[in-house]
């Protein structure tokens, strides 16, 4: 994986965790709100797994937010 892709995934992972915690949800609660296994959410948040667009959409639905909210981050290299 390219270095810039790793940086981008790390930013999305941090945003997912930020939104989840802002809603007062644990990873297991988010898992029960969407069709994604708890262990997958854990791996995504720990920057250990890539995700498909469909996974991003499912996570957004579980959080009750629009998928664009998960990507509302600065993807600049800095």
Protein backbone atom coordinates (compact mmCIF):
# COMPACT_ATOMS: atom_id res chain seq x y z
CA UNK A 1 0.00 0.00 0.00
CA UNK A 2 1.24 3.47 -0.83
CA UNK A 3 2.28 5.74 2.02
CA UNK A 4 -0.34 8.37 1.10
CA UNK A 5 -3.05 5.69 1.12
CA UNK A 6 -2.02 4.67 4.65
CA UNK A 7 -2.26 8.31 5.75
CA UNK A 8 -5.72 8.63 4.22
CA UNK A 9 -6.97 5.43 5.86
CA UNK A 10 -5.63 6.60 9.20
CA UNK A 11 -7.56 9.87 8.85
CA UNK A 12 -10.80 8.08 7.96
CA UNK A 13 -10.27 5.71 10.91
CA UNK A 14 -9.81 8.65 13.27
CA UNK A 15 -12.93 10.35 11.87
CA UNK A 16 -14.98 7.17 12.34
CA UNK A 17 -13.87 6.92 15.95
CA UNK A 18 -14.54 10.63 16.52
CA UNK A 19 -18.10 10.40 15.17
CA UNK A 20 -18.80 7.16 17.05
CA UNK A 21 -17.60 8.59 20.36
CA UNK A 22 -19.48 11.86 19.77
CA UNK A 23 -22.67 9.79 19.55
CA UNK A 24 -21.72 8.02 22.78
CA UNK A 25 -21.48 4.66 21.04
CA UNK A 26 -19.12 1.82 21.66
CA UNK A 27 -17.84 -0.32 18.80
CA UNK A 28 -20.25 -3.12 19.70
CA UNK A 29 -23.23 -0.76 19.66
CA UNK A 30 -22.21 0.55 16.24
CA UNK A 31 -21.84 -3.04 15.08
CA UNK A 32 -25.37 -3.82 16.20
CA UNK A 33 -26.64 -0.72 14.34
CA UNK A 34 -25.14 -1.81 11.03
CA UNK A 35 -24.23 -4.96 9.17
CA UNK A 36 -20.54 -4.89 10.09
CA UNK A 37 -18.89 -7.21 12.58
CA UNK A 38 -17.45 -5.64 15.73
CA UNK A 39 -13.99 -7.03 14.93
CA UNK A 40 -14.01 -5.31 11.51
CA UNK A 41 -14.89 -1.97 13.11
CA UNK A 42 -12.11 -2.47 15.62
CA UNK A 43 -9.60 -3.19 12.85
CA UNK A 44 -10.72 -0.17 10.82
CA UNK A 45 -10.39 2.16 13.82
CA UNK A 46 -6.95 0.75 14.62
CA UNK A 47 -5.87 1.37 11.02
CA UNK A 48 -5.42 -2.38 10.46
CA UNK A 49 -7.99 -2.82 7.68
CA UNK A 50 -8.98 -1.11 4.48
CA UNK A 51 -12.66 -0.75 3.69
CA UNK A 52 -14.91 -0.80 0.68
CA UNK A 53 -17.22 2.07 -0.18
CA UNK A 54 -20.13 -0.16 0.80
CA UNK A 55 -18.56 -0.59 4.26
CA UNK A 56 -18.23 3.19 4.58
CA UNK A 57 -21.91 3.60 3.68
CA UNK A 58 -22.96 0.90 6.15
CA UNK A 59 -20.93 2.53 8.94
CA UNK A 60 -22.51 5.91 8.18
CA UNK A 61 -25.98 4.36 8.37
CA UNK A 62 -25.08 2.76 11.70
CA UNK A 63 -23.97 6.14 13.02
CA UNK A 64 -27.02 7.90 11.61
CA UNK A 65 -24.91 10.25 9.51
CA UNK A 66 -24.39 10.85 5.79
CA UNK A 67 -21.38 9.03 4.32
CA UNK A 68 -19.85 12.40 3.43
CA UNK A 69 -19.54 13.10 7.17
CA UNK A 70 -17.07 10.23 7.46
CA UNK A 71 -14.99 11.84 4.73
CA UNK A 72 -15.24 15.40 6.04
CA UNK A 73 -11.52 15.58 6.77
CA UNK A 74 -8.46 17.23 5.30
CA UNK A 75 -6.79 14.74 2.98
CA UNK A 76 -3.78 17.00 2.45
CA UNK A 77 -0.39 15.35 2.91
CA UNK A 78 0.47 17.55 5.89
